[in-house]
Amino acid sequence: VDIMTGHWEFTYHENEVLKNINAFKGEFLAQNIRIKEDSLFGDEYLDMVDQHNGTGLYSEDEARAFKPYTVKIVNGERIAVVGQAFPRTANANPQSNFPDWSFGLREDALQELVDGIREKEKVAAIVMISHNGMDVDIKMASRINGIDAIFGGHTHDGIAKTTPVKTPEGGVCHVTNAGSNGKFVGVMDLDIVKGKLKGVDYKLLPVFSNVLAADAEVQTFIDHLYTKKYDENIIESRNPDRYVNKDRLGKTYGEILNEELAVAEDTLYRRGNFMGTWDQIIVNSLREEHDTQIAMSAGVRWGTSVLAGEMITMERVMDETSMTYGETYKSEVTGAAMKDILEGICENLFQKDPYLQSGGDMVRLGGMDYTCEPNGKFGSRISDMRLDDGTPLEASKTYTVAGWAQVEAVGEGRLMWDVAADYLRNHKSSTKLKKVNHPKLKGVKNNPGIEAYPGELA
């Protein structure tokens, strides 16, 4: 990897982020991250930056934490690459991990940056690597002049063709998204004649990992990690009492991760707009762990599938749950509050203005069914909330709810991966899902994104 930008990198503490960036043998770019004013004029942040050879203070005058762009020579042509980190990191992830940095779209700063690149660098093309999400990339492309292509992430969708977007001054920006988990490589050829971009040719190349030989150096490194032993220096949780799991002490990571928990009787997947079968395993385990009527799990897009008949190992559980804030919790919520929570999440997801969307998919619910009208107005998208036994939720009645991965609080419960692993161990004889809590959807029958929806459509 020559160039990257960030999102989940910032779920580690700033000091570790800077350490990792220094260890990266490429360039880390992020034009939209700034150092907060109080931090810039304080000693603590500057002392931390000094420990990392200045990384984290790219420009004191502009309060830039990181380098905003780079220029590469490709087949003799100068190509500029701009980095755009996830703009809503402070909303989606614990701010306590990055108290000195602020994020955002920073449109005006981006336009000024692009204009400066065009004027000073004499490049043939400008491309942007982005973690905005595709809807945001498309809107941004329509409002910024001078960017020729955007290579997007965050949305996790493999889009076979570019989406050409007209810029304010009549140019074209080609927006792309090449999926996730290394399933595809997006390849764009730039047709440059006499230093000017004349057109692009884009292909989405599938990666067949069982056909391609592993990189020997990387495979050796991974194999070495499996032989390392879990020790007292590990920090798994934000709760000091749960930093270290004593049951794992002295075991190699290979021994821990290769533990066979249960055989999947259903194909377990994460990516559904509203629910996934892996998510059902997670919410079922939360309900069993905390003895609650309802469980909630964030609609994250990462995590690979397990086919029916395959063994679910601890490594596959970690694939779905590992993060730096995986604590579980139990709470009590009224029916009215539950509706408000779901309406707020819907507004973040289905808001017509991409700049006001937070990304991700709908929160996953266990033990509860509901009807959702994605195209409805704020406050009226959610209706007919019922427990699994068909009992309607009452606005004034209180219900027990379990969840995990709180951003602004630290749950008191065990870590999600241990909860899910124990659930699978306890249900080893039968992992068949008796029910998947797919919500009923209204007003989207003709939406191509709802192809073969496993729930009810109205």
Protein backbone atom coordinates (compact mmCIF):
# COMPACT_ATOMS: atom_id res chain seq x y z
CA VAL A 1 0.00 0.00 0.00
CA ASP A 2 1.46 3.35 -1.05
CA ILE A 3 -1.25 5.72 0.19
CA MET A 4 -4.11 5.44 2.67
CA THR A 5 -6.60 7.51 4.64
CA GLY A 6 -8.44 6.59 7.83
CA HIS A 7 -11.54 5.73 9.83
CA TRP A 8 -11.27 2.73 12.18
CA GLU A 9 -7.62 3.63 12.74
CA PHE A 10 -8.99 6.35 15.04
CA THR A 11 -10.71 3.88 17.35
CA TYR A 12 -7.29 3.50 18.98
CA HIS A 13 -5.84 6.19 21.22
CA GLU A 14 -4.06 9.06 19.48
CA ASN A 15 -0.63 7.99 20.70
CA GLU A 16 -1.10 4.55 19.14
CA VAL A 17 -2.50 6.05 15.93
CA LEU A 18 0.64 8.16 15.51
CA LYS A 19 2.83 5.16 16.30
CA ASN A 20 1.03 3.10 13.65
CA ILE A 21 1.28 5.87 11.05
CA ASN A 22 5.03 6.06 11.64
CA ALA A 23 5.27 2.30 11.17
CA PHE A 24 3.33 2.54 7.87
CA LYS A 25 5.69 2.41 4.91
CA GLY A 26 3.42 4.53 2.74
CA GLU A 27 1.80 7.97 3.05
CA PHE A 28 -1.15 8.66 5.35
CA LEU A 29 -3.33 11.46 3.95
CA ALA A 30 -6.26 13.32 5.55
CA GLN A 31 -7.11 16.84 4.40
CA ASN A 32 -10.13 17.08 6.70
CA ILE A 33 -8.62 16.47 10.15
CA ARG A 34 -7.66 19.49 12.25
CA ILE A 35 -5.95 19.91 15.61
CA LYS A 36 -8.29 21.57 18.10
CA GLU A 37 -7.27 25.09 19.13
CA ASP A 38 -6.83 24.29 22.82
CA SER A 39 -4.63 21.32 21.96
CA LEU A 40 -2.53 23.28 19.49
CA PHE A 41 -1.68 25.88 22.12
CA GLY A 42 -1.10 23.39 24.91
CA ASP A 43 2.03 21.48 25.83
CA GLU A 44 0.58 17.97 26.13
CA TYR A 45 -0.27 17.49 22.45
CA LEU A 46 3.01 18.98 21.25
CA ASP A 47 4.93 16.72 23.62
CA MET A 48 3.11 13.68 22.19
CA VAL A 49 3.88 14.78 18.63
CA ASP A 50 7.55 15.21 19.51
CA GLN A 51 7.65 11.58 20.65
CA HIS A 52 6.60 10.58 17.12
CA ASN A 53 9.07 12.73 15.16
CA GLY A 54 6.49 15.41 14.42
CA THR A 55 3.80 13.09 13.06
CA GLY A 56 0.44 14.58 14.01
CA LEU A 57 1.51 18.19 13.35
CA TYR A 58 1.77 18.56 9.60
CA SER A 59 1.01 22.30 9.55
CA GLU A 60 0.80 24.40 12.70
CA ASP A 61 -0.38 27.45 10.75
CA GLU A 62 -3.34 25.53 9.26
CA ALA A 63 -3.82 23.30 12.34
CA ARG A 64 -3.46 20.28 10.07
CA ALA A 65 -2.71 17.03 11.85
CA PHE A 66 -1.80 15.12 8.69
CA LYS A 67 -0.52 15.62 5.18
CA PRO A 68 -3.48 16.52 2.91
CA TYR A 69 -2.17 15.31 -0.46
CA THR A 70 0.76 13.86 -2.33
CA VAL A 71 1.96 13.83 -5.94
CA LYS A 72 3.02 10.61 -7.65
CA ILE A 73 4.74 10.15 -11.01
CA VAL A 74 2.84 7.48 -12.95
CA ASN A 75 4.19 6.57 -16.41
CA GLY A 76 5.83 9.97 -16.54
CA GLU A 77 2.70 11.92 -15.59
CA ARG A 78 2.18 13.88 -12.37
CA ILE A 79 -0.92 12.65 -10.50
CA ALA A 80 -2.09 14.26 -7.25
CA VAL A 81 -3.82 12.15 -4.59
CA VAL A 82 -5.90 13.82 -1.85
CA GLY A 83 -6.96 12.00 1.33
CA GLN A 84 -10.41 12.36 2.91
CA ALA A 85 -10.85 10.53 6.23
CA PHE A 86 -14.29 9.54 7.55
CA PRO A 87 -15.85 12.95 8.33
CA ARG A 88 -18.21 11.73 11.09
CA THR A 89 -15.65 9.84 13.16
CA ALA A 90 -16.43 12.00 16.21
CA ASN A 91 -20.11 10.98 15.97
CA ALA A 92 -19.61 7.30 15.23
CA ASN A 93 -16.67 6.41 17.48
CA PRO A 94 -15.51 7.26 21.03
CA GLN A 95 -14.19 10.84 21.09
CA SER A 96 -12.16 10.00 24.17
CA ASN A 97 -9.73 8.19 21.85
CA PHE A 98 -8.96 11.34 19.84
CA PRO A 99 -9.58 14.35 22.13
CA ASP A 100 -7.21 16.61 20.17
CA TRP A 101 -8.60 16.13 16.67
CA SER A 102 -11.72 17.37 14.88
CA PHE A 103 -13.16 15.89 11.71
CA GLY A 104 -15.69 17.04 9.11
CA LEU A 105 -16.34 17.32 5.38
CA ARG A 106 -14.45 20.62 5.06
CA GLU A 107 -15.70 21.39 1.55
CA ASP A 108 -14.31 24.93 1.38
CA ALA A 109 -10.88 23.79 2.53
CA LEU A 110 -10.96 20.96 -0.03
CA GLN A 111 -11.78 23.33 -2.89
CA GLU A 112 -9.00 25.68 -1.80
CA LEU A 113 -6.60 22.73 -1.60
CA VAL A 114 -7.54 21.44 -5.07
CA ASP A 115 -7.20 24.91 -6.58
CA GLY A 116 -3.76 25.21 -5.01
CA ILE A 117 -2.68 21.83 -6.36
CA ARG A 118 -3.80 22.77 -9.87
CA GLU A 119 -1.89 26.05 -9.68
CA LYS A 120 1.33 24.91 -7.99
CA GLU A 121 1.83 21.26 -8.83
CA LYS A 122 1.04 21.26 -12.57
CA VAL A 123 -0.58 17.82 -12.39
CA ALA A 124 -2.35 15.95 -15.18
CA ALA A 125 -5.08 14.67 -12.85
CA ILE A 126 -6.28 14.85 -9.25
CA VAL A 127 -7.86 11.84 -7.57
CA MET A 128 -9.17 11.55 -4.02
CA ILE A 129 -9.14 8.49 -1.78
CA SER A 130 -12.19 8.87 0.41
CA HIS A 131 -13.89 7.30 3.39
CA ASN A 132 -16.95 9.54 3.01
CA GLY A 133 -19.31 6.84 1.77
CA MET A 134 -20.55 6.77 -1.82
CA ASP A 135 -23.63 9.01 -1.45
CA VAL A 136 -21.47 11.68 0.18
CA ASP A 137 -18.78 11.26 -2.48
CA ILE A 138 -21.37 11.80 -5.22
CA LYS A 139 -22.68 14.99 -3.62
CA MET A 140 -19.18 16.26 -2.91
CA ALA A 141 -18.16 15.59 -6.53
CA SER A 142 -21.08 17.76 -7.67
CA ARG A 143 -19.91 20.68 -5.49
CA ILE A 144 -16.12 20.62 -5.93
CA ASN A 145 -14.27 21.59 -9.11
CA GLY A 146 -11.02 20.01 -10.19
CA ILE A 147 -11.19 16.45 -8.84
CA ASP A 148 -11.15 13.93 -11.67
CA ALA A 149 -11.93 10.74 -9.73
CA ILE A 150 -12.85 9.60 -6.24
CA PHE A 151 -11.87 6.15 -5.00
CA GLY A 152 -14.35 5.59 -2.20
CA GLY A 153 -14.64 3.37 0.82
CA HIS A 154 -16.95 3.12 3.87
CA THR A 155 -20.00 2.03 1.86
CA HIS A 156 -18.51 -1.44 1.19
CA ASP A 157 -20.38 -1.80 -2.12
CA GLY A 158 -18.62 -3.21 -5.16
CA ILE A 159 -19.72 -0.91 -8.01
CA ALA A 160 -18.76 -2.26 -11.44
CA LYS A 161 -18.75 1.09 -13.25
CA THR A 162 -17.82 4.63 -12.37
CA THR A 163 -20.57 7.08 -11.52
CA PRO A 164 -19.78 10.18 -13.62
CA VAL A 165 -20.81 13.34 -11.75
CA LYS A 166 -21.01 16.79 -13.31
CA THR A 167 -19.01 19.39 -11.39
CA PRO A 168 -20.18 23.02 -10.89
CA GLU A 169 -18.04 24.29 -13.77
CA GLY A 170 -19.14 21.53 -16.15
CA GLY A 171 -16.34 19.04 -15.67
CA VAL A 172 -16.74 15.38 -14.74
CA CYS A 173 -15.66 13.54 -11.61
CA HIS A 174 -15.76 9.73 -11.74
CA VAL A 175 -16.91 8.29 -8.40
CA THR A 176 -16.03 4.66 -7.66
CA ASN A 177 -16.37 2.12 -4.86
CA ALA A 178 -14.55 -1.22 -4.91
CA GLY A 179 -16.23 -3.13 -2.10
CA SER A 180 -14.53 -4.35 1.06
CA ASN A 181 -12.42 -7.13 2.59
CA GLY A 182 -10.18 -7.32 -0.47
CA LYS A 183 -12.91 -8.90 -2.60
CA PHE A 184 -12.18 -6.55 -5.51
CA VAL A 185 -9.50 -4.24 -6.79
CA GLY A 186 -10.67 -1.11 -8.56
CA VAL A 187 -8.38 -0.38 -11.51
CA MET A 188 -8.59 2.95 -13.33
CA ASP A 189 -6.56 3.79 -16.43
CA LEU A 190 -6.17 7.51 -17.08
CA ASP A 191 -5.98 8.59 -20.73
CA ILE A 192 -3.59 11.53 -20.60
CA VAL A 193 -2.57 13.40 -23.74
CA LYS A 194 -0.04 16.25 -23.56
CA GLY A 195 -0.50 16.57 -19.82
CA LYS A 196 -4.30 16.72 -19.98
CA LEU A 197 -6.79 14.06 -18.88
CA LYS A 198 -8.95 12.99 -21.82
CA GLY A 199 -10.86 10.08 -20.29
CA VAL A 200 -10.80 7.11 -17.94
CA ASP A 201 -11.28 3.36 -18.22
CA TYR A 202 -12.38 1.56 -15.05
CA LYS A 203 -12.56 -2.13 -14.18
CA LEU A 204 -13.60 -3.88 -10.99
CA LEU A 205 -11.34 -6.92 -10.75
CA PRO A 206 -12.45 -9.80 -8.51
CA VAL A 207 -9.84 -11.29 -6.18
CA PHE A 208 -9.98 -15.09 -5.94
CA SER A 209 -7.91 -15.60 -2.81
CA ASN A 210 -7.97 -19.41 -3.07
CA VAL A 211 -6.37 -19.20 -6.52
CA LEU A 212 -3.77 -16.50 -5.93
CA ALA A 213 -0.60 -17.44 -4.09
CA ALA A 214 -0.13 -15.70 -0.75
CA ASP A 215 2.58 -13.06 -0.50
CA ALA A 216 5.42 -14.95 1.19
CA GLU A 217 6.55 -12.07 3.43
CA VAL A 218 3.04 -11.24 4.64
CA GLN A 219 2.17 -14.90 5.19
CA THR A 220 5.32 -15.39 7.26
CA PHE A 221 4.39 -12.39 9.39
CA ILE A 222 0.85 -13.69 9.95
CA ASP A 223 2.12 -17.17 10.81
CA HIS A 224 4.46 -15.61 13.36
CA LEU A 225 1.59 -13.72 15.01
CA TYR A 226 -0.30 -16.98 15.52
CA THR A 227 2.65 -18.34 17.50
CA LYS A 228 2.84 -15.37 19.89
CA LYS A 229 1.41 -15.85 23.36
CA TYR A 230 -1.37 -13.86 24.99
CA ASP A 231 0.10 -12.11 28.05
CA GLU A 232 -0.56 -9.58 30.81
CA ASN A 233 0.21 -6.65 28.49
CA ILE A 234 -2.99 -7.14 26.49
CA ILE A 235 -5.79 -4.59 26.86
CA GLU A 236 -9.08 -6.02 25.57
CA SER A 237 -11.51 -3.65 27.30
CA ARG A 238 -11.91 -0.07 28.48
CA ASN A 239 -12.84 -1.53 31.88
CA PRO A 240 -9.66 -2.05 33.95
CA ASP A 241 -11.16 -5.18 35.51
CA ARG A 242 -11.47 -6.70 32.03
CA TYR A 243 -8.19 -5.59 30.45
CA VAL A 244 -6.91 -9.17 30.45
CA ASN A 245 -8.86 -12.40 30.04
CA LYS A 246 -7.09 -14.76 32.43
CA ASP A 247 -8.47 -17.83 30.64
CA ARG A 248 -6.33 -16.90 27.63
CA LEU A 249 -3.05 -16.27 29.46
CA GLY A 250 -0.21 -18.41 28.18
CA LYS A 251 -2.06 -19.62 25.10
CA THR A 252 -0.86 -18.77 21.61
CA TYR A 253 -3.12 -16.71 19.40
CA GLY A 254 -3.38 -19.72 17.14
CA GLU A 255 -4.75 -21.81 20.00
CA ILE A 256 -7.21 -19.09 20.98
CA LEU A 257 -8.47 -18.23 17.49
CA ASN A 258 -8.65 -21.76 16.09
CA GLU A 259 -10.97 -23.01 18.85
CA GLU A 260 -13.98 -24.70 17.23
CA LEU A 261 -17.18 -23.37 18.79
CA ALA A 262 -20.06 -24.78 16.72
CA VAL A 263 -21.10 -25.72 13.19
CA ALA A 264 -23.18 -23.12 11.34
CA GLU A 265 -26.58 -24.53 10.37
CA ASP A 266 -27.47 -21.34 8.51
CA THR A 267 -25.33 -19.22 6.23
CA LEU A 268 -24.24 -16.41 8.53
CA TYR A 269 -23.85 -13.00 6.88
CA ARG A 270 -23.56 -9.40 8.10
CA ARG A 271 -24.56 -7.26 5.16
CA GLY A 272 -28.26 -6.68 5.01
CA ASN A 273 -29.66 -3.16 5.02
CA PHE A 274 -31.79 -4.04 8.03
CA MET A 275 -30.63 -7.37 9.43
CA GLY A 276 -28.18 -10.22 8.98
CA THR A 277 -28.04 -13.77 10.27
CA TRP A 278 -24.69 -13.12 11.98
CA ASP A 279 -26.38 -10.19 13.69
CA GLN A 280 -29.13 -12.52 14.88
CA ILE A 281 -26.52 -14.71 16.56
CA ILE A 282 -25.11 -11.59 18.24
CA VAL A 283 -28.45 -10.25 19.53
CA ASN A 284 -29.55 -13.73 20.64
CA SER A 285 -26.35 -14.08 22.65
CA LEU A 286 -26.85 -10.64 24.22
CA ARG A 287 -30.38 -11.48 25.30
CA GLU A 288 -29.25 -14.77 26.81
CA GLU A 289 -26.26 -13.20 28.58
CA HIS A 290 -28.20 -10.34 30.15
CA ASP A 291 -31.65 -11.99 30.37
CA THR A 292 -33.42 -9.19 28.49
CA GLN A 293 -36.53 -8.90 26.34
CA ILE A 294 -34.74 -6.98 23.58
CA ALA A 295 -31.18 -6.68 22.29
CA MET A 296 -29.60 -4.09 19.99
CA SER A 297 -26.48 -4.32 17.84
CA ALA A 298 -25.08 -1.59 15.60
CA GLY A 299 -25.56 -1.99 11.85
CA VAL A 300 -21.87 -2.14 11.02
CA ARG A 301 -20.82 -3.33 7.59
CA TRP A 302 -17.70 -5.32 8.39
CA GLY A 303 -17.47 -9.04 9.03
CA THR A 304 -17.23 -11.93 6.56
CA SER A 305 -19.74 -14.72 5.98
CA VAL A 306 -19.74 -18.30 7.24
CA LEU A 307 -21.44 -20.83 4.96
CA ALA A 308 -23.93 -23.34 6.32
CA GLY A 309 -22.03 -26.46 7.35
CA GLU A 310 -18.79 -24.62 8.07
CA MET A 311 -17.17 -24.58 11.49
CA ILE A 312 -17.51 -21.36 13.47
CA THR A 313 -14.16 -20.76 15.13
CA MET A 314 -13.25 -18.10 17.66
CA GLU A 315 -11.49 -16.29 14.83
CA ARG A 316 -14.77 -16.04 12.90
CA VAL A 317 -16.45 -14.58 15.99
CA MET A 318 -13.66 -12.02 16.33
CA ASP A 319 -14.14 -11.19 12.65
CA GLU A 320 -17.66 -10.01 13.53
CA THR A 321 -17.08 -8.38 16.91
CA SER A 322 -13.52 -7.22 17.55
CA MET A 323 -13.16 -3.52 18.29
CA THR A 324 -11.67 -1.32 20.99
CA TYR A 325 -15.03 -0.69 22.68
CA GLY A 326 -16.73 -4.09 22.72
CA GLU A 327 -18.22 -4.00 26.23
CA THR A 328 -21.83 -5.18 26.63
CA TYR A 329 -24.49 -3.65 28.86
CA LYS A 330 -28.03 -4.02 30.18
CA SER A 331 -30.49 -1.16 30.52
CA GLU A 332 -34.18 -0.34 30.80
CA VAL A 333 -35.98 1.61 28.08
CA THR A 334 -39.60 2.69 27.72
CA GLY A 335 -41.55 1.93 24.57
CA ALA A 336 -41.60 5.65 23.75
CA ALA A 337 -37.84 5.91 24.17
CA MET A 338 -37.31 2.84 21.98
CA LYS A 339 -39.32 4.47 19.19
CA ASP A 340 -37.31 7.69 19.58
CA ILE A 341 -34.05 5.72 19.34
CA LEU A 342 -35.14 3.94 16.16
CA GLU A 343 -36.51 7.13 14.61
CA GLY A 344 -33.21 8.89 15.28
CA ILE A 345 -31.22 6.10 13.67
CA CYS A 346 -33.55 6.10 10.66
CA GLU A 347 -33.07 9.85 10.26
CA ASN A 348 -29.30 9.36 10.21
CA LEU A 349 -29.63 6.63 7.57
CA PHE A 350 -32.48 7.74 5.32
CA GLN A 351 -32.12 11.52 5.45
CA LYS A 352 -32.33 12.73 1.83
CA ASP A 353 -29.25 14.94 2.18
CA PRO A 354 -26.18 12.66 2.09
CA TYR A 355 -24.20 15.19 4.11
CA LEU A 356 -26.55 14.60 7.05
CA GLN A 357 -26.33 10.80 6.88
CA SER A 358 -24.12 9.00 9.38
CA GLY A 359 -23.47 5.86 7.31
CA GLY A 360 -23.83 2.25 8.32
CA ASP A 361 -26.95 0.11 8.17
CA MET A 362 -30.04 -0.03 10.38
CA VAL A 363 -29.54 -1.10 13.99
CA ARG A 364 -30.14 -4.82 14.47
CA LEU A 365 -32.81 -5.86 16.97
CA GLY A 366 -33.40 -9.18 18.67
CA GLY A 367 -36.58 -10.13 20.51
CA MET A 368 -38.56 -7.39 18.78
CA ASP A 369 -40.22 -6.80 15.41
CA TYR A 370 -41.25 -3.49 13.88
CA THR A 371 -42.36 -1.83 10.65
CA CYS A 372 -40.13 0.73 8.95
CA GLU A 373 -40.97 3.20 6.18
CA PRO A 374 -37.54 4.44 5.01
CA ASN A 375 -39.01 7.18 2.81
CA GLY A 376 -41.28 8.48 5.54
CA LYS A 377 -40.76 11.70 7.48
CA PHE A 378 -38.74 12.00 10.65
CA GLY A 379 -40.79 10.73 13.57
CA SER A 380 -43.15 8.65 11.44
CA ARG A 381 -40.91 5.95 9.97
CA ILE A 382 -41.29 3.42 12.80
CA SER A 383 -44.56 1.70 13.73
CA ASP A 384 -46.05 -1.56 15.03
CA MET A 385 -43.27 -2.41 17.48
CA ARG A 386 -43.86 -5.83 19.02
CA LEU A 387 -42.00 -8.32 21.18
CA ASP A 388 -41.27 -11.73 19.70
CA ASP A 389 -44.44 -13.14 21.26
CA GLY A 390 -46.54 -10.53 19.42
CA THR A 391 -47.13 -8.24 22.41
CA PRO A 392 -47.21 -4.58 21.26
CA LEU A 393 -44.73 -2.25 22.94
CA GLU A 394 -46.50 0.33 25.09
CA ALA A 395 -45.15 3.87 25.18
CA SER A 396 -45.18 4.15 28.97
CA LYS A 397 -44.04 0.61 29.78
CA THR A 398 -40.40 -0.22 30.56
CA TYR A 399 -38.51 -3.01 28.78
CA THR A 400 -35.13 -4.61 29.43
CA VAL A 401 -32.60 -4.09 26.65
CA ALA A 402 -29.06 -5.41 26.11
CA GLY A 403 -26.48 -3.99 23.75
CA TRP A 404 -22.80 -3.36 23.15
CA ALA A 405 -20.25 -0.93 21.68
CA GLN A 406 -21.39 2.23 23.44
CA VAL A 407 -19.61 5.32 22.17
CA GLU A 408 -20.23 7.75 25.04
CA ALA A 409 -20.31 5.25 27.92
CA VAL A 410 -18.53 2.07 28.98
CA GLY A 411 -20.73 -0.97 29.52
CA GLU A 412 -20.31 -3.01 32.67
CA GLY A 413 -20.80 -6.36 30.94
CA ARG A 414 -18.43 -8.87 29.40
CA LEU A 415 -16.93 -8.27 26.00
CA MET A 416 -19.09 -9.08 22.99
CA TRP A 417 -16.78 -11.74 21.58
CA ASP A 418 -16.82 -13.71 24.81
CA VAL A 419 -20.61 -13.41 25.06
CA ALA A 420 -21.07 -14.65 21.48
CA ALA A 421 -18.51 -17.44 21.89
CA ASP A 422 -20.18 -18.78 25.04
CA TYR A 423 -23.57 -18.63 23.30
CA LEU A 424 -22.23 -20.78 20.46
CA ARG A 425 -20.57 -23.21 22.87
CA ASN A 426 -23.84 -23.53 24.80
CA HIS A 427 -25.85 -24.10 21.61
CA LYS A 428 -23.27 -26.31 19.92
CA SER A 429 -25.79 -29.10 19.38
CA SER A 430 -28.06 -26.82 17.33
CA THR A 431 -27.21 -23.38 15.97
CA LYS A 432 -30.24 -23.30 13.65
CA LEU A 433 -31.89 -19.89 13.88
CA LYS A 434 -35.54 -20.27 14.80
CA LYS A 435 -36.30 -16.70 13.83
CA VAL A 436 -34.56 -13.73 12.23
CA ASN A 437 -35.97 -10.33 13.25
CA HIS A 438 -36.30 -8.84 9.76
CA PRO A 439 -38.45 -5.69 10.02
CA LYS A 440 -41.47 -5.21 7.78
CA LEU A 441 -40.70 -2.53 5.18
CA LYS A 442 -43.16 -0.07 3.66
CA GLY A 443 -42.92 1.88 0.43
CA VAL A 444 -39.79 0.27 -1.03
CA LYS A 445 -41.16 -2.65 -3.08
CA ASN A 446 -39.70 -1.24 -6.29
CA ASN A 447 -36.36 -0.25 -4.80
CA PRO A 448 -33.58 -2.30 -6.50
CA GLY A 449 -31.68 -2.32 -3.21
CA ILE A 450 -34.39 -4.57 -1.71
CA GLU A 451 -33.91 -7.44 -4.16
CA ALA A 452 -34.91 -10.77 -2.56
CA TYR A 453 -35.63 -9.16 0.82
CA PRO A 454 -36.16 -12.02 3.32
CA GLY A 455 -38.66 -10.05 5.41
CA GLU A 456 -42.14 -8.74 4.60
CA LEU A 457 -42.74 -5.89 2.14
CA ALA A 458 -45.84 -3.72 2.27
